[in-house]
Protein backbone atom coordinates (compact mmCIF):
# COMPACT_ATOMS: atom_id res chain seq x y z
CA MET A 1 13.11 -18.00 29.97
CA ARG A 2 11.72 -18.28 33.47
CA LEU A 3 8.36 -19.94 34.13
CA LEU A 4 5.74 -17.98 36.06
CA VAL A 5 2.68 -19.87 37.26
CA SER A 6 -0.45 -18.02 38.38
CA VAL A 7 -2.12 -19.50 41.46
CA ARG A 8 -5.19 -18.68 43.52
CA SER A 9 -4.30 -20.49 46.78
CA ALA A 10 -1.44 -21.74 48.95
CA ALA A 11 -2.12 -25.31 47.81
CA GLU A 12 -1.75 -24.27 44.18
CA ALA A 13 1.44 -22.37 45.08
CA ALA A 14 2.92 -25.54 46.57
CA ALA A 15 2.02 -27.46 43.41
CA ALA A 16 3.63 -24.80 41.22
CA VAL A 17 6.85 -24.95 43.24
CA ALA A 18 6.87 -28.75 43.18
CA GLY A 19 6.50 -28.66 39.40
CA GLY A 20 9.44 -26.34 38.90
CA ALA A 21 7.98 -22.83 38.62
CA ASP A 22 10.56 -20.05 38.88
CA ILE A 23 8.07 -17.40 40.00
CA VAL A 24 4.64 -17.78 41.59
CA ASP A 25 1.99 -15.23 40.72
CA ALA A 26 -1.05 -14.62 42.91
CA LYS A 27 -4.15 -14.15 40.77
CA GLU A 28 -7.87 -14.80 41.03
CA PRO A 29 -8.95 -15.89 37.52
CA SER A 30 -12.65 -15.37 38.18
CA ARG A 31 -11.96 -11.64 38.44
CA GLY A 32 -10.52 -11.19 34.96
CA ALA A 33 -7.14 -11.20 33.27
CA LEU A 34 -5.45 -9.51 36.23
CA GLY A 35 -7.86 -10.39 39.02
CA ALA A 36 -6.47 -9.74 42.50
CA VAL A 37 -6.57 -12.22 45.37
CA GLU A 38 -7.49 -11.08 48.86
CA PRO A 39 -4.58 -9.88 51.06
CA THR A 40 -4.95 -12.86 53.40
CA VAL A 41 -4.71 -15.22 50.41
CA LEU A 42 -1.57 -13.45 49.18
CA ARG A 43 0.04 -13.93 52.60
CA ARG A 44 -0.75 -17.64 52.53
CA ILE A 45 0.59 -18.01 49.01
CA ALA A 46 3.83 -16.25 49.94
CA ALA A 47 4.19 -18.39 53.06
CA ALA A 48 4.01 -21.53 50.89
CA LEU A 49 7.06 -20.49 48.84
CA PRO A 50 10.75 -21.12 49.55
CA PRO A 51 12.47 -18.10 51.19
CA GLY A 52 13.79 -15.68 48.60
CA MET A 53 11.64 -16.99 45.74
CA PRO A 54 10.17 -14.13 43.69
CA VAL A 55 6.42 -13.65 43.97
CA SER A 56 4.12 -11.50 41.90
CA ALA A 57 0.60 -10.31 42.48
CA ALA A 58 -1.98 -9.20 39.94
CA LEU A 59 -3.80 -6.11 41.18
CA GLY A 60 -6.35 -5.50 38.44
CA ASP A 61 -7.02 -2.82 35.83
CA PHE A 62 -6.99 0.85 36.78
CA GLY A 63 -8.20 4.05 35.21
CA ASP A 64 -7.46 6.30 38.17
CA PRO A 65 -4.00 7.06 39.65
CA GLU A 66 -5.28 7.29 43.23
CA ALA A 67 -7.01 3.93 42.98
CA ALA A 68 -3.82 2.29 41.66
CA ALA A 69 -1.71 3.82 44.43
CA ALA A 70 -4.24 2.74 47.06
CA ALA A 71 -4.26 -0.84 45.72
CA ILE A 72 -0.48 -1.00 45.99
CA GLY A 73 -0.68 0.38 49.52
CA ARG A 74 -3.11 -2.39 50.51
CA VAL A 75 -0.77 -5.18 49.41
CA PRO A 76 0.60 -6.71 52.62
CA CYS A 77 4.32 -6.65 53.30
CA LEU A 78 5.65 -10.17 52.96
CA ALA A 79 8.43 -11.13 55.35
CA ARG A 80 10.01 -13.82 53.22
CA GLY A 81 13.71 -13.17 52.66
CA THR A 82 15.17 -11.31 49.74
CA GLY A 83 12.81 -12.29 46.91
CA PRO A 84 11.29 -9.34 45.05
CA LEU A 85 7.56 -8.66 44.94
CA TYR A 86 6.27 -7.83 41.46
CA LEU A 87 2.99 -5.92 41.34
CA LYS A 88 1.15 -6.18 38.03
CA LEU A 89 -1.49 -3.74 36.88
CA GLY A 90 -3.34 -3.17 33.62
CA PHE A 91 -5.35 -0.38 32.06
CA ALA A 92 -8.48 -1.87 30.46
CA GLY A 93 -10.97 0.88 29.75
CA LEU A 94 -8.32 3.61 29.77
CA GLY A 95 -7.88 4.65 26.16
CA GLU A 96 -5.58 7.65 26.43
CA ALA A 97 -1.81 7.43 26.79
CA SER A 98 -1.77 10.41 29.15
CA GLY A 99 -4.13 8.59 31.51
CA VAL A 100 -2.04 5.41 31.48
CA ASP A 101 1.06 7.53 32.08
CA ARG A 102 -0.47 9.05 35.21
CA VAL A 103 -1.53 5.66 36.56
CA VAL A 104 1.91 4.13 36.00
CA ALA A 105 3.62 7.12 37.64
CA ALA A 106 1.36 6.86 40.69
CA ALA A 107 1.91 3.11 40.93
CA VAL A 108 5.69 3.40 40.77
CA ALA A 109 5.68 6.12 43.43
CA ALA A 110 3.42 4.05 45.70
CA ALA A 111 5.66 0.99 45.32
CA ALA A 112 8.75 3.02 46.18
CA ALA A 113 7.02 4.41 49.28
CA ARG A 114 6.37 0.92 50.68
CA GLY A 115 9.95 0.44 51.84
CA ASP A 116 10.15 -3.20 50.68
CA ASP A 117 11.31 -4.68 47.39
CA ALA A 118 8.06 -4.03 45.52
CA ARG A 119 8.40 -3.50 41.79
CA VAL A 120 5.75 -2.41 39.28
CA VAL A 121 5.05 -4.37 36.11
CA ALA A 122 2.82 -2.58 33.59
CA ALA A 123 0.59 -4.92 31.58
CA GLY A 124 -0.47 -4.22 28.04
CA TYR A 125 -3.01 -6.29 26.17
CA ALA A 126 -2.37 -7.79 22.74
CA ASP A 127 -6.13 -7.44 22.17
CA HIS A 128 -6.04 -3.84 23.38
CA GLU A 129 -8.92 -2.74 21.18
CA GLU A 130 -11.14 -5.33 22.85
CA ALA A 131 -9.96 -3.99 26.23
CA ALA A 132 -10.54 -0.36 25.15
CA THR A 133 -7.00 0.65 26.01
CA ILE A 134 -3.70 1.58 24.36
CA ALA A 135 -1.35 -0.72 22.45
CA PRO A 136 1.16 -2.80 24.45
CA GLU A 137 4.08 -1.08 22.73
CA LEU A 138 2.97 2.26 24.14
CA VAL A 139 2.40 0.73 27.59
CA ALA A 140 6.01 -0.50 27.54
CA THR A 141 7.31 2.93 26.56
CA LEU A 142 5.40 4.61 29.37
CA ALA A 143 6.51 1.95 31.86
CA ALA A 144 10.15 2.67 31.03
CA ARG A 145 9.64 6.43 31.23
CA ARG A 146 8.12 6.19 34.70
CA GLY A 147 10.61 3.73 36.20
CA ALA A 148 8.64 0.47 36.24
CA ALA A 149 10.63 -2.74 36.57
CA GLY A 150 8.97 -4.61 33.75
CA ALA A 151 6.32 -4.83 31.08
CA LEU A 152 3.93 -7.69 30.39
CA VAL A 153 1.88 -8.45 27.31
CA ASP A 154 -1.21 -10.54 28.04
CA THR A 155 -4.67 -11.10 26.60
CA TRP A 156 -7.71 -9.41 28.08
CA THR A 157 -10.11 -11.71 26.22
CA LYS A 158 -10.21 -15.20 27.73
CA ASP A 159 -12.12 -17.13 25.11
CA GLY A 160 -9.64 -19.83 24.11
CA ARG A 161 -7.55 -17.71 21.74
CA ASP A 162 -3.96 -17.41 22.83
CA LEU A 163 -1.49 -14.53 22.71
CA LEU A 164 -0.08 -15.47 19.33
CA GLN A 165 -3.51 -15.35 17.72
CA TRP A 166 -3.72 -11.70 18.73
CA MET A 167 -0.04 -10.82 18.32
CA PRO A 168 1.95 -12.62 15.58
CA GLY A 169 5.42 -13.87 16.42
CA SER A 170 7.21 -11.13 14.47
CA ARG A 171 5.36 -8.39 16.33
CA LEU A 172 5.94 -10.15 19.66
CA GLN A 173 9.68 -10.23 18.97
CA ARG A 174 9.65 -6.50 18.21
CA TRP A 175 7.76 -5.86 21.44
CA VAL A 176 10.31 -7.82 23.48
CA ARG A 177 13.15 -5.95 21.78
CA LEU A 178 11.49 -2.62 22.64
CA VAL A 179 11.13 -3.65 26.29
CA HIS A 180 14.72 -4.86 26.55
CA GLU A 181 16.11 -1.74 24.89
CA ALA A 182 14.28 0.25 27.57
CA GLY A 183 16.02 -1.81 30.27
CA LEU A 184 12.90 -3.59 31.52
CA LEU A 185 12.00 -7.21 32.16
CA ALA A 186 9.77 -8.59 29.41
CA GLY A 187 6.98 -11.00 30.32
CA ILE A 188 4.52 -12.74 28.02
CA ALA A 189 1.27 -14.48 28.91
CA GLY A 190 -2.19 -15.06 27.52
CA SER A 191 -3.66 -18.58 27.35
CA LEU A 192 -0.46 -19.89 25.77
CA ARG A 193 -0.59 -23.52 24.65
CA PRO A 194 2.30 -26.00 24.48
CA SER A 195 2.15 -25.71 20.68
CA SER A 196 2.95 -22.00 21.03
CA LEU A 197 6.16 -22.60 23.00
CA PRO A 198 8.57 -22.45 20.03
CA LEU A 199 7.40 -18.95 19.09
CA ALA A 200 7.22 -17.92 22.74
CA GLN A 201 10.84 -19.01 23.24
CA ALA A 202 11.92 -17.33 20.02
CA SER A 203 10.54 -14.01 21.25
CA GLY A 204 13.41 -13.66 23.71
CA ALA A 205 11.11 -12.78 26.62
CA ASP A 206 12.41 -13.16 30.17
CA LEU A 207 9.23 -14.65 31.65
CA LEU A 208 6.50 -16.94 30.40
CA GLY A 209 3.28 -16.71 32.42
CA VAL A 210 0.77 -19.56 32.43
CA ARG A 211 -2.27 -20.82 34.27
CA GLY A 212 -4.82 -22.67 32.15
CA SER A 213 -2.24 -24.92 30.50
CA VAL A 214 -1.08 -26.22 33.90
CA CYS A 215 -4.55 -26.59 35.43
CA GLU A 216 -6.87 -29.57 35.56
CA GLY A 217 -10.09 -28.13 34.27
CA GLY A 218 -8.69 -25.12 32.43
CA ARG A 219 -8.08 -21.59 33.68
CA GLY A 220 -10.73 -21.87 36.38
CA GLY A 221 -9.53 -25.28 37.51
CA THR A 222 -6.68 -26.33 39.79
CA VAL A 223 -2.93 -26.05 39.22
CA ARG A 224 -1.27 -29.47 39.17
CA ALA A 225 2.39 -30.16 39.83
CA ASP A 226 2.63 -32.78 37.08
CA ARG A 227 1.33 -30.33 34.49
CA VAL A 228 3.76 -27.65 35.61
CA ARG A 229 6.56 -30.21 35.45
CA ALA A 230 5.57 -31.28 31.92
CA LEU A 231 5.55 -27.67 30.74
CA ARG A 232 8.91 -27.08 32.41
CA ARG A 233 10.35 -30.02 30.45
CA LEU A 234 8.90 -28.67 27.22
CA LEU A 235 10.49 -25.30 27.90
CA GLU A 236 13.84 -26.90 28.60
CA GLY A 237 13.54 -28.92 25.41
CA GLU A 238 12.83 -25.82 23.37
CA ARG A 239 15.77 -24.05 24.98
CA LEU A 240 18.09 -26.87 24.01
CA LEU A 241 16.78 -26.87 20.45
CA THR A 242 17.25 -23.14 20.02
CA SER A 243 20.74 -23.14 21.53
CA GLY A 244 21.93 -26.34 19.86
């Protein structure tokens, strides 16, 4: 399982790398679960990463295909070696599968038209009823149908409850299996605590996304290298336990 750390600045990106993050994700937490950073901030974040390191960028929630395509078009091209650029988008407020399908299709087409290694990741919410959108299982199915690179399950509500309080471990495992059977990368996130790592590891997901647990001051605080490093060690310990 690779560790993805969400950052809001180049300084936080450097701390994430120093702590052992595998992927750095650009996100502005004050703008919601998938809040986008400004293009200039994304450039600075990417410039702080080693050449070839994957980077992802949260773009927000979309209910309109044209708006999603335009957002992907506004993401700056990042001249930084061969690392892929993952573009994450969600669908809060969009309660019909047909609408989500159209948004995902437009996003995938817009990413392909960029001419760089941009890849779409469709985000479903474990608390989808709170977000007034469709279930994450259906998001994953539509993502596969439209040619996205991956699916993410996150939490829209940021009130201290973590992913596993909205989505029990057995259901999370089924979701990961569905995503893998569709040939997509499976990412999990959502205020995950260190105590949730055993179940997170057991899910079989490819990526674990964090922010609050590696920040001083919670989700709105500052990413610290020592906290990333401590989480990295916990992940490695869980991996050894599950494989031993």
